[in-house]
Amino acid sequence: VVQSARFGDATATLGSAWDADGIISDVLGPIDVKVRIYAALGLRLVGACPLAGCPSDEETVEIISITVSPPFLGKDGTLGLGSTHADIDAVLGAGDPPDANGVVVYGDTGTSSPPALGVLYAQDAQCEERAVAFAMNYTSGL
């Protein structure tokens, strides 16, 4: 669920320690594609810059796709897929109780800065809740 998130939102939420960040020109005809990869978190963000190319302030580019995969670098002290609910709460503070979709929301969906982050947890074999999905700019009930 991207919901109008921009690369600046990703930087505010995830930080600037990405592994790759750049623009691929003329991939889809005249459309440039901005890609940012947080390998340790298992996240690949993609934005499209139609016709005129990406603006000089690349943080304003809208994210059109978030691909989530197992972290390639393993857990290195940052939060990511597979982090326990307790680990995420320790860094972000206690989230709201799970909404109707089972998503725990960190931050106020109406006024937070950075925008609200939704985290979906699932229990592992030892019944420990672990993060299995993240949603930036999450709005409960959609």
Protein backbone atom coordinates (compact mmCIF):
# COMPACT_ATOMS: atom_id res chain seq x y z
CA VAL A 1 0.00 0.00 0.00
CA VAL A 2 1.86 3.08 -1.21
CA GLN A 3 -0.90 5.74 -0.96
CA SER A 4 0.94 8.78 -2.38
CA ALA A 5 4.19 8.21 -0.49
CA ARG A 6 7.23 10.01 -1.86
CA PHE A 7 10.92 9.20 -1.58
CA GLY A 8 11.20 11.94 1.06
CA ASP A 9 8.69 9.97 3.17
CA ALA A 10 10.88 6.88 2.78
CA THR A 11 13.94 8.84 3.91
CA ALA A 12 12.05 10.22 6.92
CA THR A 13 10.81 6.75 7.90
CA LEU A 14 13.69 4.47 6.91
CA GLY A 15 16.69 6.81 6.99
CA SER A 16 19.37 7.55 4.42
CA ALA A 17 21.39 4.34 4.76
CA TRP A 18 20.17 2.86 1.49
CA ASP A 19 22.37 0.56 -0.55
CA ALA A 20 21.54 1.89 -4.01
CA ASP A 21 19.73 4.98 -5.23
CA GLY A 22 19.50 6.32 -8.73
CA ILE A 23 17.58 7.01 -11.91
CA ILE A 24 17.40 4.74 -14.92
CA SER A 25 16.69 6.81 -18.03
CA ASP A 26 14.51 5.89 -20.98
CA VAL A 27 13.52 2.51 -19.58
CA LEU A 28 9.91 2.75 -20.71
CA GLY A 29 10.24 5.04 -23.70
CA PRO A 30 10.50 8.61 -22.43
CA ILE A 31 9.79 7.62 -18.81
CA ASP A 32 12.64 7.64 -16.28
CA VAL A 33 12.51 5.27 -13.32
CA LYS A 34 13.86 6.13 -9.85
CA VAL A 35 14.97 3.14 -7.79
CA ARG A 36 16.10 3.00 -4.17
CA ILE A 37 17.16 -0.23 -2.47
CA TYR A 38 17.38 -0.87 1.27
CA ALA A 39 18.93 -4.34 1.02
CA ALA A 40 19.27 -4.92 4.76
CA LEU A 41 15.55 -4.20 5.16
CA GLY A 42 14.51 -6.18 2.11
CA LEU A 43 12.88 -3.15 0.44
CA ARG A 44 13.05 -1.91 -3.15
CA LEU A 45 11.22 1.35 -3.91
CA VAL A 46 10.37 2.46 -7.44
CA GLY A 47 9.03 5.74 -8.76
CA ALA A 48 8.25 6.89 -12.30
CA CYS A 49 9.13 10.28 -13.76
CA PRO A 50 7.08 10.74 -16.94
CA LEU A 51 8.20 12.67 -20.00
CA ALA A 52 10.11 15.59 -18.48
CA GLY A 53 12.30 13.28 -16.36
CA CYS A 54 12.77 13.28 -12.62
CA PRO A 55 12.82 16.65 -10.83
CA SER A 56 16.06 17.95 -9.37
CA ASP A 57 14.65 17.27 -5.90
CA GLU A 58 14.32 13.50 -6.26
CA GLU A 59 12.80 13.22 -2.77
CA THR A 60 9.53 14.59 -4.25
CA VAL A 61 9.15 11.67 -6.69
CA GLU A 62 6.07 9.58 -5.87
CA ILE A 63 6.68 5.92 -5.03
CA ILE A 64 4.61 3.69 -7.29
CA SER A 65 5.90 0.31 -6.16
CA ILE A 66 7.39 -1.22 -3.03
CA THR A 67 8.83 -4.71 -3.33
CA VAL A 68 9.42 -6.58 -0.10
CA SER A 69 11.76 -9.55 0.08
CA PRO A 70 13.82 -11.32 2.72
CA PRO A 71 16.74 -9.10 3.72
CA PHE A 72 19.84 -9.90 1.72
CA LEU A 73 22.29 -8.73 4.38
CA GLY A 74 20.55 -10.28 7.36
CA LYS A 75 19.67 -8.34 10.45
CA ASP A 76 22.35 -5.78 11.20
CA GLY A 77 20.93 -3.85 14.09
CA THR A 78 18.24 -2.10 12.06
CA LEU A 79 14.59 -3.04 11.85
CA GLY A 80 13.26 -5.02 8.93
CA LEU A 81 11.31 -8.05 7.89
CA GLY A 82 11.57 -10.67 10.57
CA SER A 83 12.08 -8.17 13.39
CA THR A 84 10.09 -9.04 16.48
CA HIS A 85 7.10 -6.98 17.56
CA ALA A 86 9.00 -6.14 20.77
CA ASP A 87 12.06 -4.92 18.80
CA ILE A 88 9.94 -2.62 16.63
CA ASP A 89 8.02 -1.30 19.65
CA ALA A 90 11.33 -0.60 21.42
CA VAL A 91 12.41 1.70 18.58
CA LEU A 92 9.11 3.23 17.44
CA GLY A 93 7.14 3.14 20.69
CA ALA A 94 4.02 1.08 21.21
CA GLY A 95 1.79 0.98 18.15
CA ASP A 96 -1.98 1.13 18.17
CA PRO A 97 -3.88 -2.13 18.74
CA PRO A 98 -4.24 -4.07 15.45
CA ASP A 99 -6.92 -2.59 13.17
CA ALA A 100 -9.59 -4.57 11.29
CA ASN A 101 -6.90 -5.70 8.81
CA GLY A 102 -4.62 -6.93 11.61
CA VAL A 103 -2.14 -4.09 10.97
CA VAL A 104 -0.42 -2.32 13.88
CA VAL A 105 -0.11 1.41 13.15
CA TYR A 106 2.80 3.51 14.39
CA GLY A 107 2.11 7.25 14.32
CA ASP A 108 -1.14 9.13 13.89
CA THR A 109 -2.61 8.48 10.46
CA GLY A 110 -3.99 12.02 10.28
CA THR A 111 -1.19 14.24 11.52
CA SER A 112 2.02 12.32 11.95
CA SER A 113 5.34 13.42 10.58
CA PRO A 114 6.85 11.21 9.35
CA PRO A 115 3.66 9.61 8.04
CA ALA A 116 2.08 6.61 9.75
CA LEU A 117 3.70 3.23 9.27
CA GLY A 118 1.59 0.08 9.22
CA VAL A 119 3.21 -3.21 10.21
CA LEU A 120 1.66 -6.63 9.71
CA TYR A 121 2.91 -9.32 12.09
CA ALA A 122 2.70 -13.11 11.95
CA GLN A 123 3.70 -15.65 14.56
CA ASP A 124 6.74 -17.80 13.90
CA ALA A 125 7.13 -21.44 14.99
CA GLN A 126 7.96 -20.29 18.55
CA CYS A 127 4.80 -18.09 18.65
CA GLU A 128 6.91 -14.90 18.50
CA GLU A 129 5.27 -12.12 16.47
CA ARG A 130 7.54 -11.01 13.62
CA ALA A 131 7.10 -8.31 10.96
CA VAL A 132 6.06 -9.74 7.60
CA ALA A 133 5.00 -6.53 5.80
CA PHE A 134 5.39 -2.75 6.07
CA ALA A 135 3.07 -0.10 4.58
CA MET A 136 4.12 3.56 4.43
CA ASN A 137 1.42 6.26 4.74
CA TYR A 138 -0.89 3.56 6.08
CA THR A 139 -4.54 4.47 6.56
CA SER A 140 -6.55 2.07 8.71
CA GLY A 141 -9.59 0.50 7.18
CA LEU A 142 -8.63 0.75 3.50
